[in-house]
Amino acid sequence: MNDLHLAKRALTTEPIRKGFGRGLVEAGKLHENVVAACADLTESTNMHFFAEAFPERFIEIGVAEQNLVTVGSGLAAMGKIPFVSSYATFSPGRNWEQIRTTIALNNQPVKIIGSHAGLYTGADGATHQMLEDLSIMRAMPNMVVLAPGDSIEAAKATLAMAKDGRPTYMRVTREATPVMSTEQTPFQIGRAYVYRKGTDVSLITTGTMTYQAMVAAASLHKDGVNVEVVHVPTIKPIDHQVILDSAERTRHVVTVEEGQINGGLGGAVAELLGENLPTPMIRIGMNDRFGESGRPDELLKHFGLTAAHIAMTAHRLLMDHTGHKH
């Protein structure tokens, strides 16, 4: 855990989208071919930082998300490194077909940023709480899919995307979430990281839920349960080796995500284990349900995505498959 340089305590919070905004400016400084386009949500997606720093490399598309990604594909075909941003419910929600046909099919290295994803969109309610994005983008050929755990990792992911020649989708949140990593914490596209080592059960998690899993692991430790936490910021291509090694160590797996378990991280891990290492497993996430309006903390509790619920689920899995009460 120490060699990952994690924050000793998550004392600060910040929206993950802000890390993207900072990272995009840094990417613009490093790569003159980095350009950006937005669909009338420049400040909301934090792309305004780039627009202010490089106005000649920024395009305001307007409320036209389908046009947004097709313009991005054209820019990529001309040798640019385009980042395109909107709310995730609109992109990839509204323009999935254009992403498929103009970006993925042509394997153009457009970077699609889906902001305001998940339950941290809060009071905007079910229409704007995009919970299916990881599933629908993971199913798309050629597409890399990222869900950073905090704002610092989002900045690193943005810099990494600028150097990666593949089409990529990254989800970011609206409201502030705990910052658990540091500038020294490693990040690489395609890698998963063991944030806490254990032997009894693996909590395999992504995005905002990694913090909740870490809190759950600390609680379970007090109950005598030795928990391993695996942070998976890259949903696709998923890190087979780290996940399989963890499952082999603990023989019990709980996946946790702030999105639909059907096709998301839970689906990806279930497929991997089913084909290589059948393992007792429970998936925590949105179970075939839409979101609701409310504060993020209320929604996490309502849908069973808190550290307390994760800990209870791990207890239940161990009880069901070992017969021992932890």
C-alpha atoms as a PDB file:
ATOM      1  CA  MET A   1       0.000   0.000   0.000  1.00  0.00           C
ATOM      2  CA  ASN A   2       2.823   2.434   0.860  1.00  0.00           C
ATOM      3  CA  ASP A   3       4.510   1.977  -2.514  1.00  0.00           C
ATOM      4  CA  LEU A   4       1.298   3.247  -4.145  1.00  0.00           C
ATOM      5  CA  HIS A   5       1.704   6.554  -2.273  1.00  0.00           C
ATOM      6  CA  LEU A   6      -1.955   6.723  -1.330  1.00  0.00           C
ATOM      7  CA  ALA A   7      -3.145   9.540   0.881  1.00  0.00           C
ATOM      8  CA  LYS A   8      -3.055   8.418   4.502  1.00  0.00           C
ATOM      9  CA  ARG A   9      -6.495   9.916   5.009  1.00  0.00           C
ATOM     10  CA  ALA A  10      -8.924  11.352   2.482  1.00  0.00           C
ATOM     11  CA  LEU A  11      -8.997  14.808   4.036  1.00  0.00           C
ATOM     12  CA  THR A  12      -9.958  16.678   0.882  1.00  0.00           C
ATOM     13  CA  THR A  13     -12.731  16.356  -1.666  1.00  0.00           C
ATOM     14  CA  GLU A  14     -12.894  17.610  -5.248  1.00  0.00           C
ATOM     15  CA  PRO A  15     -15.016  16.874  -8.318  1.00  0.00           C
ATOM     16  CA  ILE A  16     -13.339  14.341 -10.594  1.00  0.00           C
ATOM     17  CA  ARG A  17     -14.226  16.578 -13.559  1.00  0.00           C
ATOM     18  CA  LYS A  18     -11.900  19.244 -12.177  1.00  0.00           C
ATOM     19  CA  GLY A  19      -8.969  16.852 -12.451  1.00  0.00           C
ATOM     20  CA  PHE A  20      -9.893  16.314 -16.091  1.00  0.00           C
ATOM     21  CA  GLY A  21      -9.928  20.071 -16.657  1.00  0.00           C
ATOM     22  CA  ARG A  22      -6.461  20.494 -15.165  1.00  0.00           C
ATOM     23  CA  GLY A  23      -5.104  17.493 -17.006  1.00  0.00           C
ATOM     24  CA  LEU A  24      -6.392  18.740 -20.349  1.00  0.00           C
ATOM     25  CA  VAL A  25      -4.540  22.034 -19.973  1.00  0.00           C
ATOM     26  CA  GLU A  26      -1.333  20.142 -19.179  1.00  0.00           C
ATOM     27  CA  ALA A  27      -1.907  17.869 -22.174  1.00  0.00           C
ATOM     28  CA  GLY A  28      -2.352  20.962 -24.329  1.00  0.00           C
ATOM     29  CA  LYS A  29       0.969  22.324 -23.149  1.00  0.00           C
ATOM     30  CA  LEU A  30       2.741  19.053 -23.932  1.00  0.00           C
ATOM     31  CA  HIS A  31       1.073  18.258 -27.266  1.00  0.00           C
ATOM     32  CA  GLU A  32       0.348  20.997 -29.788  1.00  0.00           C
ATOM     33  CA  ASN A  33      -2.061  18.677 -31.633  1.00  0.00           C
ATOM     34  CA  VAL A  34      -4.405  18.410 -28.645  1.00  0.00           C
ATOM     35  CA  VAL A  35      -7.682  20.165 -29.463  1.00  0.00           C
ATOM     36  CA  ALA A  36     -11.008  20.300 -27.646  1.00  0.00           C
ATOM     37  CA  ALA A  37     -14.692  20.610 -28.478  1.00  0.00           C
ATOM     38  CA  CYS A  38     -17.750  20.851 -26.263  1.00  0.00           C
ATOM     39  CA  ALA A  39     -21.531  20.758 -26.651  1.00  0.00           C
ATOM     40  CA  ASP A  40     -22.521  23.972 -24.850  1.00  0.00           C
ATOM     41  CA  LEU A  41     -21.384  22.705 -21.440  1.00  0.00           C
ATOM     42  CA  THR A  42     -17.858  24.088 -21.367  1.00  0.00           C
ATOM     43  CA  GLU A  43     -17.822  25.224 -17.730  1.00  0.00           C
ATOM     44  CA  SER A  44     -19.895  22.300 -16.483  1.00  0.00           C
ATOM     45  CA  THR A  45     -17.419  19.773 -17.915  1.00  0.00           C
ATOM     46  CA  ASN A  46     -14.467  21.945 -16.808  1.00  0.00           C
ATOM     47  CA  MET A  47     -13.266  22.230 -20.406  1.00  0.00           C
ATOM     48  CA  HIS A  48     -13.292  26.031 -20.008  1.00  0.00           C
ATOM     49  CA  PHE A  49      -9.797  25.828 -18.522  1.00  0.00           C
ATOM     50  CA  PHE A  50      -8.514  24.579 -21.873  1.00  0.00           C
ATOM     51  CA  ALA A  51     -10.671  27.037 -23.853  1.00  0.00           C
ATOM     52  CA  GLU A  52      -9.157  29.933 -21.902  1.00  0.00           C
ATOM     53  CA  ALA A  53      -5.593  28.654 -22.253  1.00  0.00           C
ATOM     54  CA  PHE A  54      -5.827  27.686 -25.941  1.00  0.00           C
ATOM     55  CA  PRO A  55      -8.769  29.564 -27.523  1.00  0.00           C
ATOM     56  CA  GLU A  56      -7.487  28.861 -31.037  1.00  0.00           C
ATOM     57  CA  ARG A  57      -7.616  25.107 -30.322  1.00  0.00           C
ATOM     58  CA  PHE A  58     -11.139  25.028 -28.879  1.00  0.00           C
ATOM     59  CA  ILE A  59     -14.447  24.633 -30.760  1.00  0.00           C
ATOM     60  CA  GLU A  60     -17.868  25.310 -29.244  1.00  0.00           C
ATOM     61  CA  ILE A  61     -20.189  22.967 -31.116  1.00  0.00           C
ATOM     62  CA  GLY A  62     -23.424  23.972 -29.395  1.00  0.00           C
ATOM     63  CA  VAL A  63     -26.271  21.684 -28.358  1.00  0.00           C
ATOM     64  CA  ALA A  64     -25.439  19.077 -31.008  1.00  0.00           C
ATOM     65  CA  GLU A  65     -23.830  16.033 -29.414  1.00  0.00           C
ATOM     66  CA  GLN A  66     -24.037  13.897 -32.555  1.00  0.00           C
ATOM     67  CA  ASN A  67     -22.184  16.598 -34.465  1.00  0.00           C
ATOM     68  CA  LEU A  68     -19.714  16.903 -31.576  1.00  0.00           C
ATOM     69  CA  VAL A  69     -18.302  13.417 -32.023  1.00  0.00           C
ATOM     70  CA  THR A  70     -18.346  13.445 -35.820  1.00  0.00           C
ATOM     71  CA  VAL A  71     -16.340  16.682 -35.797  1.00  0.00           C
ATOM     72  CA  GLY A  72     -14.002  14.982 -33.323  1.00  0.00           C
ATOM     73  CA  SER A  73     -13.543  12.079 -35.714  1.00  0.00           C
ATOM     74  CA  GLY A  74     -12.738  14.462 -38.552  1.00  0.00           C
ATOM     75  CA  LEU A  75     -10.176  16.295 -36.446  1.00  0.00           C
ATOM     76  CA  ALA A  76      -8.554  12.979 -35.539  1.00  0.00           C
ATOM     77  CA  ALA A  77      -8.426  11.970 -39.218  1.00  0.00           C
ATOM     78  CA  MET A  78      -6.448  15.168 -39.855  1.00  0.00           C
ATOM     79  CA  GLY A  79      -3.845  14.279 -37.233  1.00  0.00           C
ATOM     80  CA  LYS A  80      -5.250  16.119 -34.218  1.00  0.00           C
ATOM     81  CA  ILE A  81      -5.787  14.652 -30.746  1.00  0.00           C
ATOM     82  CA  PRO A  82      -9.389  15.695 -30.036  1.00  0.00           C
ATOM     83  CA  PHE A  83     -11.053  15.686 -26.626  1.00  0.00           C
ATOM     84  CA  VAL A  84     -14.849  16.064 -26.781  1.00  0.00           C
ATOM     85  CA  SER A  85     -16.996  16.608 -23.708  1.00  0.00           C
ATOM     86  CA  SER A  86     -20.637  16.729 -22.691  1.00  0.00           C
ATOM     87  CA  TYR A  87     -22.842  15.206 -20.010  1.00  0.00           C
ATOM     88  CA  ALA A  88     -22.556  11.422 -20.125  1.00  0.00           C
ATOM     89  CA  THR A  89     -26.321  11.097 -20.507  1.00  0.00           C
ATOM     90  CA  PHE A  90     -25.938  12.904 -23.862  1.00  0.00           C
ATOM     91  CA  SER A  91     -22.510  11.595 -24.854  1.00  0.00           C
ATOM     92  CA  PRO A  92     -22.424   8.587 -25.137  1.00  0.00           C
ATOM     93  CA  GLY A  93     -26.133   8.414 -24.260  1.00  0.00           C
ATOM     94  CA  ARG A  94     -27.542  10.378 -27.183  1.00  0.00           C
ATOM     95  CA  ASN A  95     -24.813   9.892 -29.798  1.00  0.00           C
ATOM     96  CA  TRP A  96     -23.744   6.268 -29.332  1.00  0.00           C
ATOM     97  CA  GLU A  97     -24.384   5.464 -33.000  1.00  0.00           C
ATOM     98  CA  GLN A  98     -22.235   8.350 -34.218  1.00  0.00           C
ATOM     99  CA  ILE A  99     -19.451   7.321 -31.840  1.00  0.00           C
ATOM    100  CA  ARG A 100     -19.715   3.774 -33.159  1.00  0.00           C
ATOM    101  CA  THR A 101     -19.757   4.676 -36.844  1.00  0.00           C
ATOM    102  CA  THR A 102     -17.384   7.646 -37.081  1.00  0.00           C
ATOM    103  CA  ILE A 103     -14.960   6.993 -34.215  1.00  0.00           C
ATOM    104  CA  ALA A 104     -14.806   3.326 -33.199  1.00  0.00           C
ATOM    105  CA  LEU A 105     -15.373   1.768 -36.630  1.00  0.00           C
ATOM    106  CA  ASN A 106     -12.646   3.969 -38.101  1.00  0.00           C
ATOM    107  CA  ASN A 107     -10.465   3.507 -35.008  1.00  0.00           C
ATOM    108  CA  GLN A 108      -9.955   7.254 -34.640  1.00  0.00           C
ATOM    109  CA  PRO A 109      -8.238   8.353 -31.400  1.00  0.00           C
ATOM    110  CA  VAL A 110     -11.008  10.645 -30.161  1.00  0.00           C
ATOM    111  CA  LYS A 111     -11.188  11.087 -26.365  1.00  0.00           C
ATOM    112  CA  ILE A 112     -14.817  11.164 -25.213  1.00  0.00           C
ATOM    113  CA  ILE A 113     -15.386  12.677 -21.771  1.00  0.00           C
ATOM    114  CA  GLY A 114     -18.736  11.814 -20.173  1.00  0.00           C
ATOM    115  CA  SER A 115     -19.219  14.295 -17.355  1.00  0.00           C
ATOM    116  CA  HIS A 116     -21.873  14.249 -14.623  1.00  0.00           C
ATOM    117  CA  ALA A 117     -21.960  10.441 -14.720  1.00  0.00           C
ATOM    118  CA  GLY A 118     -23.468   8.289 -11.990  1.00  0.00           C
ATOM    119  CA  LEU A 119     -25.357   9.132  -8.820  1.00  0.00           C
ATOM    120  CA  TYR A 120     -23.105  12.073  -7.935  1.00  0.00           C
ATOM    121  CA  THR A 121     -25.219  14.084 -10.390  1.00  0.00           C
ATOM    122  CA  GLY A 122     -27.584  14.224  -7.422  1.00  0.00           C
ATOM    123  CA  ALA A 123     -30.716  16.344  -7.616  1.00  0.00           C
ATOM    124  CA  ASP A 124     -30.819  16.314 -11.432  1.00  0.00           C
ATOM    125  CA  GLY A 125     -32.414  12.885 -11.101  1.00  0.00           C
ATOM    126  CA  ALA A 126     -32.757   9.772 -13.219  1.00  0.00           C
ATOM    127  CA  THR A 127     -32.730  11.473 -16.633  1.00  0.00           C
ATOM    128  CA  HIS A 128     -29.270  12.921 -16.015  1.00  0.00           C
ATOM    129  CA  GLN A 129     -27.738  10.165 -13.861  1.00  0.00           C
ATOM    130  CA  MET A 130     -25.969   8.160 -16.568  1.00  0.00           C
ATOM    131  CA  LEU A 131     -25.512   4.675 -15.131  1.00  0.00           C
ATOM    132  CA  GLU A 132     -25.229   2.651 -18.339  1.00  0.00           C
ATOM    133  CA  ASP A 133     -22.167   4.332 -19.863  1.00  0.00           C
ATOM    134  CA  LEU A 134     -19.552   1.783 -18.767  1.00  0.00           C
ATOM    135  CA  SER A 135     -21.723  -1.030 -20.122  1.00  0.00           C
ATOM    136  CA  ILE A 136     -22.509   0.453 -23.524  1.00  0.00           C
ATOM    137  CA  MET A 137     -18.983   1.728 -24.131  1.00  0.00           C
ATOM    138  CA  ARG A 138     -17.347  -1.522 -23.018  1.00  0.00           C
ATOM    139  CA  ALA A 139     -19.417  -3.336 -25.635  1.00  0.00           C
ATOM    140  CA  MET A 140     -18.049  -1.125 -28.421  1.00  0.00           C
ATOM    141  CA  PRO A 141     -15.107  -2.565 -30.404  1.00  0.00           C
ATOM    142  CA  ASN A 142     -11.807  -0.620 -30.266  1.00  0.00           C
ATOM    143  CA  MET A 143     -12.979   1.525 -27.326  1.00  0.00           C
ATOM    144  CA  VAL A 144     -10.872   2.002 -24.189  1.00  0.00           C
ATOM    145  CA  VAL A 145     -13.028   2.694 -21.099  1.00  0.00           C
ATOM    146  CA  LEU A 146     -11.783   4.546 -18.005  1.00  0.00           C
ATOM    147  CA  ALA A 147     -13.324   5.421 -14.623  1.00  0.00           C
ATOM    148  CA  PRO A 148     -10.777   7.264 -12.459  1.00  0.00           C
ATOM    149  CA  GLY A 149     -11.123   7.057  -8.694  1.00  0.00           C
ATOM    150  CA  ASP A 150     -10.545  10.722  -7.905  1.00  0.00           C
ATOM    151  CA  SER A 151      -9.572  14.060  -9.428  1.00  0.00           C
ATOM    152  CA  ILE A 152      -5.822  13.423  -9.240  1.00  0.00           C
ATOM    153  CA  GLU A 153      -6.157  10.154 -11.130  1.00  0.00           C
ATOM    154  CA  ALA A 154      -8.448  11.856 -13.680  1.00  0.00           C
ATOM    155  CA  ALA A 155      -5.690  14.347 -14.475  1.00  0.00           C
ATOM    156  CA  LYS A 156      -3.195  11.512 -14.972  1.00  0.00           C
ATOM    157  CA  ALA A 157      -5.669   9.620 -17.138  1.00  0.00           C
ATOM    158  CA  THR A 158      -6.183  12.692 -19.329  1.00  0.00           C
ATOM    159  CA  LEU A 159      -2.447  13.022 -19.905  1.00  0.00           C
ATOM    160  CA  ALA A 160      -2.217   9.303 -20.652  1.00  0.00           C
ATOM    161  CA  MET A 161      -5.101   9.497 -23.145  1.00  0.00           C
ATOM    162  CA  ALA A 162      -3.338  12.267 -25.056  1.00  0.00           C
ATOM    163  CA  LYS A 163      -0.406   9.914 -25.680  1.00  0.00           C
ATOM    164  CA  ASP A 164      -2.548   6.845 -26.414  1.00  0.00           C
ATOM    165  CA  GLY A 165      -3.543   6.272 -30.033  1.00  0.00           C
ATOM    166  CA  ARG A 166      -6.888   4.574 -29.336  1.00  0.00           C
ATOM    167  CA  PRO A 167     -10.455   5.874 -29.085  1.00  0.00           C
ATOM    168  CA  THR A 168     -11.218   6.300 -25.397  1.00  0.00           C
ATOM    169  CA  TYR A 169     -14.166   7.022 -23.120  1.00  0.00           C
ATOM    170  CA  MET A 170     -13.687   8.432 -19.609  1.00  0.00           C
ATOM    171  CA  ARG A 171     -16.475   9.029 -17.098  1.00  0.00           C
ATOM    172  CA  VAL A 172     -16.167  11.852 -14.541  1.00  0.00           C
ATOM    173  CA  THR A 173     -18.456  13.089 -11.758  1.00  0.00           C
ATOM    174  CA  ARG A 174     -20.175  16.364 -10.981  1.00  0.00           C
ATOM    175  CA  GLU A 175     -20.072  16.597  -7.169  1.00  0.00           C
ATOM    176  CA  ALA A 176     -16.936  16.490  -5.048  1.00  0.00           C
ATOM    177  CA  THR A 177     -15.637  13.068  -3.989  1.00  0.00           C
ATOM    178  CA  PRO A 178     -12.800  12.079  -1.631  1.00  0.00           C
ATOM    179  CA  VAL A 179      -9.238  12.423  -2.928  1.00  0.00           C
ATOM    180  CA  MET A 180      -7.445   9.220  -1.905  1.00  0.00           C
ATOM    181  CA  SER A 181      -4.448   9.190  -4.268  1.00  0.00           C
ATOM    182  CA  THR A 182      -1.466  11.517  -4.591  1.00  0.00           C
ATOM    183  CA  GLU A 183       0.659  12.806  -7.440  1.00  0.00           C
ATOM    184  CA  GLN A 184       3.017   9.859  -6.813  1.00  0.00           C
ATOM    185  CA  THR A 185       0.327   7.162  -7.018  1.00  0.00           C
ATOM    186  CA  PRO A 186       0.903   5.160 -10.216  1.00  0.00           C
ATOM    187  CA  PHE A 187      -1.555   5.190 -13.099  1.00  0.00           C
ATOM    188  CA  GLN A 188      -1.318   3.450 -16.440  1.00  0.00           C
ATOM    189  CA  ILE A 189      -4.083   2.692 -18.928  1.00  0.00           C
ATOM    190  CA  GLY A 190      -4.860  -1.026 -18.763  1.00  0.00           C
ATOM    191  CA  ARG A 191      -3.535  -1.533 -15.235  1.00  0.00           C
ATOM    192  CA  ALA A 192      -5.386  -2.367 -12.009  1.00  0.00           C
ATOM    193  CA  TYR A 193      -3.830  -1.725  -8.611  1.00  0.00           C
ATOM    194  CA  VAL A 194      -4.002  -3.549  -5.291  1.00  0.00           C
ATOM    195  CA  TYR A 195      -4.681  -0.683  -2.896  1.00  0.00           C
ATOM    196  CA  ARG A 196      -4.866  -3.003   0.116  1.00  0.00           C
ATOM    197  CA  LYS A 197      -3.606  -6.570   0.384  1.00  0.00           C
ATOM    198  CA  GLY A 198      -5.697  -9.308   1.944  1.00  0.00           C
ATOM    199  CA  THR A 199      -6.463 -13.020   2.012  1.00  0.00           C
ATOM    200  CA  ASP A 200     -10.185 -13.453   2.814  1.00  0.00           C
ATOM    201  CA  VAL A 201     -12.140 -11.516   0.201  1.00  0.00           C
ATOM    202  CA  SER A 202     -11.362  -9.256  -2.771  1.00  0.00           C
ATOM    203  CA  LEU A 203     -13.261  -6.019  -3.195  1.00  0.00           C
ATOM    204  CA  ILE A 204     -12.794  -5.239  -6.887  1.00  0.00           C
ATOM    205  CA  THR A 205     -13.937  -1.710  -7.548  1.00  0.00           C
ATOM    206  CA  THR A 206     -13.725   1.321  -9.799  1.00  0.00           C
ATOM    207  CA  GLY A 207     -14.346   5.056  -9.887  1.00  0.00           C
ATOM    208  CA  THR A 208     -15.942   6.698  -6.863  1.00  0.00           C
ATOM    209  CA  MET A 209     -16.593   3.338  -5.202  1.00  0.00           C
ATOM    210  CA  THR A 210     -12.931   2.614  -4.529  1.00  0.00           C
ATOM    211  CA  TYR A 211     -12.968   5.022  -1.597  1.00  0.00           C
ATOM    212  CA  GLN A 212     -16.080   3.336  -0.187  1.00  0.00           C
ATOM    213  CA  ALA A 213     -14.359  -0.045  -0.587  1.00  0.00           C
ATOM    214  CA  MET A 214     -11.310   1.189   1.311  1.00  0.00           C
ATOM    215  CA  VAL A 215     -13.502   2.373   4.187  1.00  0.00           C
ATOM    216  CA  ALA A 216     -15.345  -0.955   4.152  1.00  0.00           C
ATOM    217  CA  ALA A 217     -12.037  -2.845   4.226  1.00  0.00           C
ATOM    218  CA  ALA A 218     -10.913  -0.914   7.314  1.00  0.00           C
ATOM    219  CA  SER A 219     -14.213  -1.734   9.021  1.00  0.00           C
ATOM    220  CA  LEU A 220     -13.976  -5.414   8.096  1.00  0.00           C
ATOM    221  CA  HIS A 221     -10.418  -5.559   9.414  1.00  0.00           C
ATOM    222  CA  LYS A 222     -11.771  -4.663  12.876  1.00  0.00           C
ATOM    223  CA  ASP A 223     -14.065  -7.698  12.564  1.00  0.00           C
ATOM    224  CA  GLY A 224     -11.148  -9.969  11.758  1.00  0.00           C
ATOM    225  CA  VAL A 225     -11.735 -10.103   7.993  1.00  0.00           C
ATOM    226  CA  ASN A 226      -8.608  -9.658   5.889  1.00  0.00           C
ATOM    227  CA  VAL A 227      -9.756  -7.705   2.833  1.00  0.00           C
ATOM    228  CA  GLU A 228      -7.982  -7.056  -0.452  1.00  0.00           C
ATOM    229  CA  VAL A 229      -9.020  -3.935  -2.393  1.00  0.00           C
ATOM    230  CA  VAL A 230      -8.328  -3.881  -6.128  1.00  0.00           C
ATOM    231  CA  HIS A 231      -8.826  -0.535  -7.867  1.00  0.00           C
ATOM    232  CA  VAL A 232      -9.716  -0.917 -11.552  1.00  0.00           C
ATOM    233  CA  PRO A 233      -9.593   2.497 -13.272  1.00  0.00           C
ATOM    234  CA  THR A 234      -9.481   0.837 -16.706  1.00  0.00           C
ATOM    235  CA  ILE A 235     -12.666  -1.141 -17.350  1.00  0.00           C
ATOM    236  CA  LYS A 236     -11.486  -2.028 -20.848  1.00  0.00           C
ATOM    237  CA  PRO A 237      -8.964  -3.440 -21.534  1.00  0.00           C
ATOM    238  CA  ILE A 238      -9.310  -4.926 -18.068  1.00  0.00           C
ATOM    239  CA  ASP A 239      -6.216  -6.107 -16.198  1.00  0.00           C
ATOM    240  CA  HIS A 240      -6.692  -9.889 -16.308  1.00  0.00           C
ATOM    241  CA  GLN A 241      -3.595 -10.786 -14.326  1.00  0.00           C
ATOM    242  CA  VAL A 242      -4.097  -8.559 -11.290  1.00  0.00           C
ATOM    243  CA  ILE A 243      -7.761  -9.554 -10.937  1.00  0.00           C
ATOM    244  CA  LEU A 244      -7.155 -13.274 -11.411  1.00  0.00           C
ATOM    245  CA  ASP A 245      -4.230 -13.216  -8.968  1.00  0.00           C
ATOM    246  CA  SER A 246      -6.394 -11.495  -6.357  1.00  0.00           C
ATOM    247  CA  ALA A 247      -9.288 -13.919  -6.824  1.00  0.00           C
ATOM    248  CA  GLU A 248      -6.897 -16.861  -6.525  1.00  0.00           C
ATOM    249  CA  ARG A 249      -5.554 -15.470  -3.234  1.00  0.00           C
ATOM    250  CA  THR A 250      -8.905 -14.807  -1.569  1.00  0.00           C
ATOM    251  CA  ARG A 251     -11.351 -17.143  -3.394  1.00  0.00           C
ATOM    252  CA  HIS A 252     -14.174 -14.664  -2.711  1.00  0.00           C
ATOM    253  CA  VAL A 253     -14.962 -11.602  -4.840  1.00  0.00           C
ATOM    254  CA  VAL A 254     -17.262  -8.607  -4.421  1.00  0.00           C
ATOM    255  CA  THR A 255     -17.356  -6.079  -7.252  1.00  0.00           C
ATOM    256  CA  VAL A 256     -18.471  -2.520  -6.539  1.00  0.00           C
ATOM    257  CA  GLU A 257     -19.396   0.174  -9.042  1.00  0.00           C
ATOM    258  CA  GLU A 258     -21.567   3.271  -9.296  1.00  0.00           C
ATOM    259  CA  GLY A 259     -23.331   2.062 -12.420  1.00  0.00           C
ATOM    260  CA  GLN A 260     -25.262  -0.852 -13.899  1.00  0.00           C
ATOM    261  CA  ILE A 261     -23.805  -4.206 -12.866  1.00  0.00           C
ATOM    262  CA  ASN A 262     -25.106  -5.646 -16.140  1.00  0.00           C
ATOM    263  CA  GLY A 263     -22.227  -5.212 -18.546  1.00  0.00           C
ATOM    264  CA  GLY A 264     -20.208  -2.863 -16.332  1.00  0.00           C
ATOM    265  CA  LEU A 265     -17.285  -3.741 -14.074  1.00  0.00           C
ATOM    266  CA  GLY A 266     -19.298  -6.521 -12.416  1.00  0.00           C
ATOM    267  CA  GLY A 267     -20.085  -8.020 -15.787  1.00  0.00           C
ATOM    268  CA  ALA A 268     -16.477  -7.764 -16.936  1.00  0.00           C
ATOM    269  CA  VAL A 269     -15.117  -9.452 -13.806  1.00  0.00           C
ATOM    270  CA  ALA A 270     -17.811 -12.158 -13.902  1.00  0.00           C
ATOM    271  CA  GLU A 271     -16.881 -12.950 -17.514  1.00  0.00           C
ATOM    272  CA  LEU A 272     -13.182 -13.078 -16.661  1.00  0.00           C
ATOM    273  CA  LEU A 273     -13.643 -15.338 -13.636  1.00  0.00           C
ATOM    274  CA  GLY A 274     -16.226 -17.510 -15.336  1.00  0.00           C
ATOM    275  CA  GLU A 275     -13.847 -18.311 -18.162  1.00  0.00           C
ATOM    276  CA  ASN A 276     -10.663 -18.655 -16.112  1.00  0.00           C
ATOM    277  CA  LEU A 277     -11.276 -19.116 -12.383  1.00  0.00           C
ATOM    278  CA  PRO A 278     -14.883 -19.697 -11.234  1.00  0.00           C
ATOM    279  CA  THR A 279     -15.147 -17.917  -7.891  1.00  0.00           C
ATOM    280  CA  PRO A 280     -17.985 -17.171  -5.434  1.00  0.00           C
ATOM    281  CA  MET A 281     -18.953 -13.614  -6.286  1.00  0.00           C
ATOM    282  CA  ILE A 282     -21.470 -10.847  -5.534  1.00  0.00           C
ATOM    283  CA  ARG A 283     -21.871  -7.733  -7.674  1.00  0.00           C
ATOM    284  CA  ILE A 284     -22.748  -4.438  -5.976  1.00  0.00           C
ATOM    285  CA  GLY A 285     -24.034  -1.594  -8.124  1.00  0.00           C
ATOM    286  CA  MET A 286     -27.200  -0.460  -9.827  1.00  0.00           C
ATOM    287  CA  ASN A 287     -29.167  -3.653 -10.284  1.00  0.00           C
ATOM    288  CA  ASP A 288     -31.342  -2.960 -13.324  1.00  0.00           C
ATOM    289  CA  ARG A 289     -32.666   0.282 -11.829  1.00  0.00           C
ATOM    290  CA  PHE A 290     -32.670   3.943 -12.772  1.00  0.00           C
ATOM    291  CA  GLY A 291     -31.495   6.610 -10.368  1.00  0.00           C
ATOM    292  CA  GLU A 292     -33.573   9.084  -8.384  1.00  0.00           C
ATOM    293  CA  SER A 293     -33.295  12.697  -7.299  1.00  0.00           C
ATOM    294  CA  GLY A 294     -31.473  13.334  -4.038  1.00  0.00           C
ATOM    295  CA  ARG A 295     -28.177  14.251  -2.437  1.00  0.00           C
ATOM    296  CA  PRO A 296     -25.336  11.899  -3.397  1.00  0.00           C
ATOM    297  CA  ASP A 297     -25.002  10.591   0.164  1.00  0.00           C
ATOM    298  CA  GLU A 298     -28.742   9.849   0.273  1.00  0.00           C
ATOM    299  CA  LEU A 299     -28.598   8.064  -3.062  1.00  0.00           C
ATOM    300  CA  LEU A 300     -25.581   5.935  -2.149  1.00  0.00           C
ATOM    301  CA  LYS A 301     -27.378   4.793   0.996  1.00  0.00           C
ATOM    302  CA  HIS A 302     -30.674   4.213  -0.831  1.00  0.00           C
ATOM    303  CA  PHE A 303     -29.072   2.055  -3.522  1.00  0.00           C
ATOM    304  CA  GLY A 304     -26.718   0.146  -1.188  1.00  0.00           C
ATOM    305  CA  LEU A 305     -23.425   1.685  -2.316  1.00  0.00           C
ATOM    306  CA  THR A 306     -22.053   2.801   1.052  1.00  0.00           C
ATOM    307  CA  ALA A 307     -19.060   1.330   2.862  1.00  0.00           C
ATOM    308  CA  ALA A 308     -21.416  -0.173   5.465  1.00  0.00           C
ATOM    309  CA  HIS A 309     -23.390  -2.040   2.810  1.00  0.00           C
ATOM    310  CA  ILE A 310     -20.217  -3.254   1.121  1.00  0.00           C
ATOM    311  CA  ALA A 311     -18.961  -4.625   4.454  1.00  0.00           C
ATOM    312  CA  MET A 312     -22.287  -6.397   5.102  1.00  0.00           C
ATOM    313  CA  THR A 313     -22.185  -7.956   1.640  1.00  0.00           C
ATOM    314  CA  ALA A 314     -18.656  -9.259   2.155  1.00  0.00           C
ATOM    315  CA  HIS A 315     -19.736 -10.790   5.485  1.00  0.00           C
ATOM    316  CA  ARG A 316     -22.674 -12.463   3.762  1.00  0.00           C
ATOM    317  CA  LEU A 317     -20.528 -13.886   0.979  1.00  0.00           C
ATOM    318  CA  LEU A 318     -18.064 -15.367   3.453  1.00  0.00           C
ATOM    319  CA  MET A 319     -20.873 -16.767   5.606  1.00  0.00           C
ATOM    320  CA  ASP A 320     -22.589 -18.369   2.633  1.00  0.00           C
ATOM    321  CA  HIS A 321     -19.461 -20.003   1.245  1.00  0.00           C
ATOM    322  CA  THR A 322     -17.361 -20.833   4.290  1.00  0.00           C
ATOM    323  CA  GLY A 323     -20.058 -21.436   6.903  1.00  0.00           C
ATOM    324  CA  HIS A 324     -18.069 -19.259   9.285  1.00  0.00           C
ATOM    325  CA  LYS A 325     -19.562 -16.157  10.826  1.00  0.00           C
ATOM    326  CA  HIS A 326     -17.162 -13.224  10.516  1.00  0.00           C
END
